[in-house]
């Protein structure tokens, strides 16, 4: 394996954080959140966690696999594996009250 320069490491981490920040509003709109737990830019292993209302959401695993994993691996060619989980610390009733469900952003024409 070729050793990465500090500049490449920094560039990869910056791109990863930017992509996570791009995805977060969609998850937050349903009362949840998406956080980066760790990233190994050398091996391409990224770990994320869904929080908040995601703990009571029936499609959390679909969000991780079909959404987060697909987007990260499609847009960042160095990402080889995405590990993820759901933070289940929040009380399920509190969690359910956070979500709005089925969020579709509205865009205004300028």
N, C-alpha and C. Protein backbone atom coordinates (compact mmCIF):
# COMPACT_ATOMS: atom_id res chain seq x y z
N UNK A 1 0.84 -1.17 0.00
CA UNK A 1 0.00 0.00 0.00
C UNK A 1 0.89 1.25 0.00
N UNK A 2 0.56 2.17 -0.88
CA UNK A 2 1.32 3.42 -0.98
C UNK A 2 0.97 4.34 0.18
N UNK A 3 1.99 4.94 0.79
CA UNK A 3 1.77 5.85 1.91
C UNK A 3 1.28 7.19 1.38
N UNK A 4 0.26 7.72 2.05
CA UNK A 4 -0.33 8.98 1.64
C UNK A 4 0.41 10.16 2.26
N UNK A 5 0.44 11.25 1.53
CA UNK A 5 1.03 12.47 2.08
C UNK A 5 0.02 13.11 3.03
N UNK A 6 0.50 13.99 3.89
CA UNK A 6 -0.39 14.70 4.81
C UNK A 6 -1.42 15.51 4.03
N UNK A 7 -1.02 16.05 2.90
CA UNK A 7 -1.93 16.85 2.08
C UNK A 7 -3.08 15.99 1.54
N UNK A 8 -2.77 14.78 1.10
CA UNK A 8 -3.80 13.87 0.59
C UNK A 8 -4.73 13.45 1.72
N UNK A 9 -4.16 13.12 2.88
CA UNK A 9 -4.97 12.76 4.05
C UNK A 9 -5.94 13.88 4.40
N UNK A 10 -5.41 15.09 4.45
CA UNK A 10 -6.22 16.25 4.80
C UNK A 10 -7.31 16.48 3.75
N UNK A 11 -6.97 16.33 2.49
CA UNK A 11 -7.93 16.51 1.41
C UNK A 11 -9.06 15.48 1.49
N UNK A 12 -8.73 14.25 1.76
CA UNK A 12 -9.73 13.19 1.88
C UNK A 12 -10.67 13.46 3.06
N UNK A 13 -10.11 13.84 4.19
CA UNK A 13 -10.93 14.10 5.36
C UNK A 13 -11.83 15.31 5.14
N UNK A 14 -11.32 16.31 4.48
CA UNK A 14 -12.11 17.50 4.19
C UNK A 14 -13.28 17.15 3.26
N UNK A 15 -13.03 16.35 2.23
CA UNK A 15 -14.09 15.93 1.30
C UNK A 15 -15.13 15.08 2.01
N UNK A 16 -14.69 14.20 2.91
CA UNK A 16 -15.61 13.36 3.67
C UNK A 16 -16.52 14.20 4.56
N UNK A 17 -15.92 15.12 5.29
CA UNK A 17 -16.71 15.99 6.17
C UNK A 17 -17.71 16.83 5.38
N UNK A 18 -17.30 17.32 4.22
CA UNK A 18 -18.19 18.12 3.38
C UNK A 18 -19.37 17.28 2.91
N UNK A 19 -19.13 16.02 2.56
CA UNK A 19 -20.19 15.14 2.09
C UNK A 19 -21.15 14.78 3.23
N UNK A 20 -20.61 14.53 4.41
CA UNK A 20 -21.45 14.26 5.58
C UNK A 20 -22.33 15.48 5.86
N UNK A 21 -21.73 16.67 5.81
CA UNK A 21 -22.48 17.91 6.04
C UNK A 21 -23.58 18.11 5.00
N UNK A 22 -23.35 17.64 3.79
CA UNK A 22 -24.34 17.74 2.73
C UNK A 22 -25.54 16.81 2.99
N UNK A 23 -25.28 15.65 3.60
CA UNK A 23 -26.33 14.67 3.86
C UNK A 23 -27.11 14.96 5.15
N UNK A 24 -26.48 15.61 6.10
CA UNK A 24 -27.08 15.80 7.42
C UNK A 24 -28.45 16.49 7.42
N UNK A 25 -28.67 17.54 6.64
CA UNK A 25 -29.98 18.20 6.70
C UNK A 25 -31.16 17.29 6.37
N UNK A 26 -30.98 16.35 5.47
CA UNK A 26 -32.07 15.42 5.14
C UNK A 26 -32.41 14.54 6.34
N UNK A 27 -31.40 14.11 7.06
CA UNK A 27 -31.63 13.28 8.25
C UNK A 27 -32.18 14.14 9.38
N UNK A 28 -31.66 15.35 9.54
CA UNK A 28 -32.11 16.26 10.59
C UNK A 28 -33.57 16.68 10.39
N UNK A 29 -34.01 16.75 9.15
CA UNK A 29 -35.39 17.15 8.87
C UNK A 29 -36.39 16.16 9.46
N UNK A 30 -35.96 14.93 9.68
CA UNK A 30 -36.82 13.93 10.29
C UNK A 30 -36.51 13.74 11.77
N UNK A 31 -35.80 14.69 12.36
CA UNK A 31 -35.53 14.64 13.79
C UNK A 31 -34.31 13.83 14.18
N UNK A 32 -33.53 13.41 13.21
CA UNK A 32 -32.34 12.62 13.50
C UNK A 32 -31.08 13.42 13.23
N UNK A 33 -29.99 12.71 13.18
CA UNK A 33 -28.72 13.34 12.83
C UNK A 33 -27.77 12.26 12.33
N UNK A 34 -26.80 12.69 11.57
CA UNK A 34 -25.77 11.82 11.03
C UNK A 34 -24.43 12.37 11.47
N UNK A 35 -23.66 11.56 12.18
CA UNK A 35 -22.36 12.02 12.65
C UNK A 35 -21.26 11.07 12.19
N UNK A 36 -20.12 11.65 11.93
CA UNK A 36 -18.93 10.89 11.58
C UNK A 36 -18.26 10.47 12.87
N UNK A 37 -18.13 9.17 13.08
CA UNK A 37 -17.52 8.64 14.30
C UNK A 37 -16.01 8.56 14.13
N UNK A 38 -15.57 7.99 13.00
CA UNK A 38 -14.14 7.91 12.71
C UNK A 38 -13.95 7.64 11.23
N UNK A 39 -12.76 7.95 10.77
CA UNK A 39 -12.44 7.70 9.36
C UNK A 39 -10.96 7.37 9.25
N UNK A 40 -10.66 6.27 8.60
CA UNK A 40 -9.28 5.91 8.30
C UNK A 40 -9.06 6.18 6.82
N UNK A 41 -8.47 7.32 6.52
CA UNK A 41 -8.32 7.73 5.12
C UNK A 41 -7.27 6.88 4.40
N UNK A 42 -6.49 6.12 5.13
CA UNK A 42 -5.50 5.21 4.53
C UNK A 42 -6.19 3.95 3.99
N UNK A 43 -7.03 3.32 4.83
CA UNK A 43 -7.68 2.07 4.44
C UNK A 43 -9.03 2.28 3.78
N UNK A 44 -9.61 3.46 3.97
CA UNK A 44 -10.91 3.77 3.38
C UNK A 44 -12.09 3.34 4.21
N UNK A 45 -11.85 2.98 5.48
CA UNK A 45 -12.94 2.56 6.37
C UNK A 45 -13.49 3.79 7.10
N UNK A 46 -14.81 3.99 6.96
CA UNK A 46 -15.48 5.14 7.56
C UNK A 46 -16.57 4.60 8.48
N UNK A 47 -16.71 5.19 9.66
CA UNK A 47 -17.76 4.80 10.59
C UNK A 47 -18.64 6.00 10.88
N UNK A 48 -19.96 5.80 10.72
CA UNK A 48 -20.94 6.85 10.97
C UNK A 48 -21.98 6.34 11.95
N UNK A 49 -22.75 7.28 12.50
CA UNK A 49 -23.81 6.89 13.42
C UNK A 49 -25.03 7.77 13.18
N UNK A 50 -26.20 7.13 13.17
CA UNK A 50 -27.46 7.85 13.11
C UNK A 50 -27.92 8.08 14.54
N UNK A 51 -28.42 9.29 14.80
CA UNK A 51 -28.83 9.64 16.16
C UNK A 51 -30.23 10.23 16.16
N UNK A 52 -30.74 10.51 17.36
CA UNK A 52 -32.04 11.16 17.50
C UNK A 52 -33.18 10.25 17.10
N UNK A 53 -34.10 10.79 16.30
CA UNK A 53 -35.29 10.04 15.90
C UNK A 53 -34.96 8.78 15.12
N UNK A 54 -33.75 8.69 14.62
CA UNK A 54 -33.35 7.50 13.86
C UNK A 54 -33.41 6.23 14.70
N UNK A 55 -33.33 6.37 16.04
CA UNK A 55 -33.34 5.18 16.89
C UNK A 55 -34.68 4.47 16.87
N UNK A 56 -35.76 5.18 16.52
CA UNK A 56 -37.07 4.53 16.46
C UNK A 56 -37.57 4.38 15.03
N UNK A 57 -36.73 4.72 14.06
CA UNK A 57 -37.14 4.69 12.66
C UNK A 57 -36.94 3.29 12.07
N UNK A 58 -37.99 2.79 11.43
CA UNK A 58 -37.95 1.45 10.87
C UNK A 58 -36.99 1.33 9.68
N UNK A 59 -36.66 2.44 9.05
CA UNK A 59 -35.79 2.37 7.87
C UNK A 59 -34.38 2.88 8.12
N UNK A 60 -33.96 2.92 9.37
CA UNK A 60 -32.61 3.39 9.69
C UNK A 60 -31.53 2.59 8.98
N UNK A 61 -31.69 1.27 8.95
CA UNK A 61 -30.67 0.45 8.28
C UNK A 61 -30.68 0.72 6.78
N UNK A 62 -31.85 0.98 6.20
CA UNK A 62 -31.92 1.33 4.78
C UNK A 62 -31.23 2.66 4.51
N UNK A 63 -31.41 3.60 5.44
CA UNK A 63 -30.77 4.91 5.31
C UNK A 63 -29.26 4.74 5.31
N UNK A 64 -28.77 3.90 6.20
CA UNK A 64 -27.32 3.67 6.26
C UNK A 64 -26.80 2.96 5.02
N UNK A 65 -27.45 1.88 4.64
CA UNK A 65 -26.95 1.09 3.52
C UNK A 65 -27.27 1.71 2.17
N UNK A 66 -28.53 2.02 1.95
CA UNK A 66 -28.95 2.51 0.65
C UNK A 66 -28.61 3.97 0.41
N UNK A 67 -28.50 4.73 1.47
CA UNK A 67 -28.23 6.15 1.32
C UNK A 67 -26.79 6.51 1.62
N UNK A 68 -26.44 6.47 2.88
CA UNK A 68 -25.13 6.94 3.33
C UNK A 68 -24.00 6.14 2.69
N UNK A 69 -24.06 4.82 2.76
CA UNK A 69 -23.00 3.98 2.20
C UNK A 69 -22.87 4.19 0.70
N UNK A 70 -24.00 4.18 0.00
CA UNK A 70 -23.97 4.34 -1.45
C UNK A 70 -23.38 5.69 -1.84
N UNK A 71 -23.81 6.74 -1.17
CA UNK A 71 -23.31 8.09 -1.51
C UNK A 71 -21.81 8.20 -1.23
N UNK A 72 -21.38 7.73 -0.07
CA UNK A 72 -19.96 7.84 0.28
C UNK A 72 -19.07 7.04 -0.68
N UNK A 73 -19.49 5.81 -1.00
CA UNK A 73 -18.65 5.00 -1.89
C UNK A 73 -18.72 5.46 -3.34
N UNK A 74 -19.85 6.02 -3.76
CA UNK A 74 -19.97 6.53 -5.13
C UNK A 74 -19.17 7.81 -5.34
N UNK A 75 -19.17 8.68 -4.35
CA UNK A 75 -18.57 10.00 -4.53
C UNK A 75 -17.13 10.12 -4.05
N UNK A 76 -16.72 9.20 -3.20
CA UNK A 76 -15.34 9.22 -2.70
C UNK A 76 -14.70 7.88 -3.06
N UNK A 77 -13.92 7.87 -4.12
CA UNK A 77 -13.38 6.61 -4.63
C UNK A 77 -12.45 5.88 -3.66
N UNK A 78 -11.96 6.56 -2.66
CA UNK A 78 -11.08 5.93 -1.69
C UNK A 78 -11.82 5.22 -0.56
N UNK A 79 -13.12 5.46 -0.41
CA UNK A 79 -13.90 4.81 0.64
C UNK A 79 -14.16 3.36 0.23
N UNK A 80 -13.70 2.42 1.08
CA UNK A 80 -13.82 1.00 0.78
C UNK A 80 -14.92 0.32 1.59
N UNK A 81 -15.21 0.88 2.78
CA UNK A 81 -16.20 0.26 3.66
C UNK A 81 -16.81 1.33 4.55
N UNK A 82 -18.12 1.23 4.75
CA UNK A 82 -18.82 2.15 5.65
C UNK A 82 -19.47 1.32 6.75
N UNK A 83 -19.05 1.58 7.97
CA UNK A 83 -19.62 0.93 9.14
C UNK A 83 -20.60 1.91 9.75
N UNK A 84 -21.70 1.41 10.25
CA UNK A 84 -22.67 2.33 10.81
C UNK A 84 -23.54 1.68 11.84
N UNK A 85 -24.15 2.52 12.61
CA UNK A 85 -25.06 2.04 13.62
C UNK A 85 -26.01 3.16 13.99
N UNK A 86 -26.90 2.82 14.92
CA UNK A 86 -27.88 3.76 15.40
C UNK A 86 -27.65 3.95 16.89
N UNK A 87 -27.60 5.21 17.31
CA UNK A 87 -27.46 5.53 18.72
C UNK A 87 -28.80 5.28 19.39
N UNK A 88 -28.86 4.27 20.23
CA UNK A 88 -30.12 3.88 20.85
C UNK A 88 -30.24 4.38 22.29
N UNK A 89 -29.47 5.41 22.64
CA UNK A 89 -29.48 5.95 24.00
C UNK A 89 -30.77 6.71 24.28
N UNK A 90 -31.33 7.38 23.26
CA UNK A 90 -32.52 8.20 23.45
C UNK A 90 -33.74 7.32 23.73
N UNK A 91 -34.64 7.80 24.58
CA UNK A 91 -35.89 7.11 24.88
C UNK A 91 -36.72 6.99 23.61
N UNK A 92 -37.27 5.80 23.31
CA UNK A 92 -38.03 5.61 22.06
C UNK A 92 -39.19 6.59 21.88
N UNK A 93 -39.91 6.93 22.97
CA UNK A 93 -41.02 7.88 22.83
C UNK A 93 -40.53 9.28 22.52
N UNK A 94 -39.43 9.69 23.15
CA UNK A 94 -38.84 10.99 22.83
C UNK A 94 -38.35 10.99 21.39
N UNK A 95 -37.77 9.88 20.99
CA UNK A 95 -37.25 9.75 19.63
C UNK A 95 -38.37 9.90 18.60
N UNK A 96 -39.50 9.22 18.83
CA UNK A 96 -40.61 9.29 17.88
C UNK A 96 -41.16 10.70 17.76
N UNK A 97 -41.11 11.45 18.85
CA UNK A 97 -41.67 12.80 18.82
C UNK A 97 -40.79 13.77 18.04
N UNK A 98 -39.55 13.39 17.78
CA UNK A 98 -38.63 14.27 17.04
C UNK A 98 -38.86 14.23 15.54
N UNK A 99 -39.32 13.11 15.03
CA UNK A 99 -39.41 12.93 13.58
C UNK A 99 -40.64 13.56 12.97
N UNK A 100 -40.47 14.04 11.76
CA UNK A 100 -41.60 14.59 11.02
C UNK A 100 -42.00 13.65 9.91
N UNK A 101 -41.10 12.83 9.45
CA UNK A 101 -41.38 11.83 8.43
C UNK A 101 -41.62 12.39 7.05
N UNK A 102 -41.14 11.68 6.06
CA UNK A 102 -41.41 12.01 4.67
C UNK A 102 -41.04 13.41 4.25
N UNK A 103 -39.96 13.92 4.73
CA UNK A 103 -39.56 15.29 4.40
C UNK A 103 -39.17 15.42 2.93
N UNK A 104 -39.75 16.41 2.29
CA UNK A 104 -39.38 16.75 0.92
C UNK A 104 -39.09 18.24 0.91
N UNK A 105 -37.85 18.63 0.63
CA UNK A 105 -37.52 20.05 0.67
C UNK A 105 -38.25 20.82 -0.43
N UNK A 106 -38.59 22.05 -0.11
CA UNK A 106 -39.23 22.92 -1.10
C UNK A 106 -38.22 23.95 -1.53
N UNK A 107 -38.17 24.15 -2.81
CA UNK A 107 -37.23 25.13 -3.37
C UNK A 107 -38.03 26.24 -4.01
N UNK A 108 -37.62 27.44 -3.73
CA UNK A 108 -38.26 28.60 -4.35
C UNK A 108 -37.47 29.01 -5.58
N UNK A 109 -38.19 29.32 -6.61
CA UNK A 109 -37.53 29.85 -7.82
C UNK A 109 -37.14 31.29 -7.53
N UNK A 110 -35.94 31.63 -7.91
CA UNK A 110 -35.48 33.01 -7.67
C UNK A 110 -35.78 33.90 -8.84
